[in-house]
Amino acid sequence: MTDVRWLFETYPPSSVGPFVSQNTIARLFLSSATWSVVASRLSEDPCVWVLLLEAGGQANQITEITAAAFLMENTEMNWRYKTVPQKRGALGFENKVDAGASAR
């Protein structure tokens, strides 16, 4: 099991603003299916407040179909991320440059 204690940090209540009364905040900086599951599990504890932010615009038909994920490659939906040419990776990519969500 991965140690997730680093996700938590105790703050004085006054430092987190008037909308949060709990002393512990779960900080999840990445959003993916995995982090959504982690956020869901953490939120089962009534003493933990979880805010999961996901970047992007409104969902559409393509984003609702997992098998259509390849249609979002090299579009604004995945920020058109590209890596620098890889020495040992991205072997199936043109010029060994990875693109899309895996390039983050």
Foldseek 3Di string as FASTA:
>chain_A
DDDQPVQWDFDDQVVVDDVDRARIEGDDDDDDPVVVVVQVVQVVDVRYDYDDDDDDDDDDPQNVDPVSVVVCWCHVRQPFAKADADPPACVVDVSNIDTGNVND
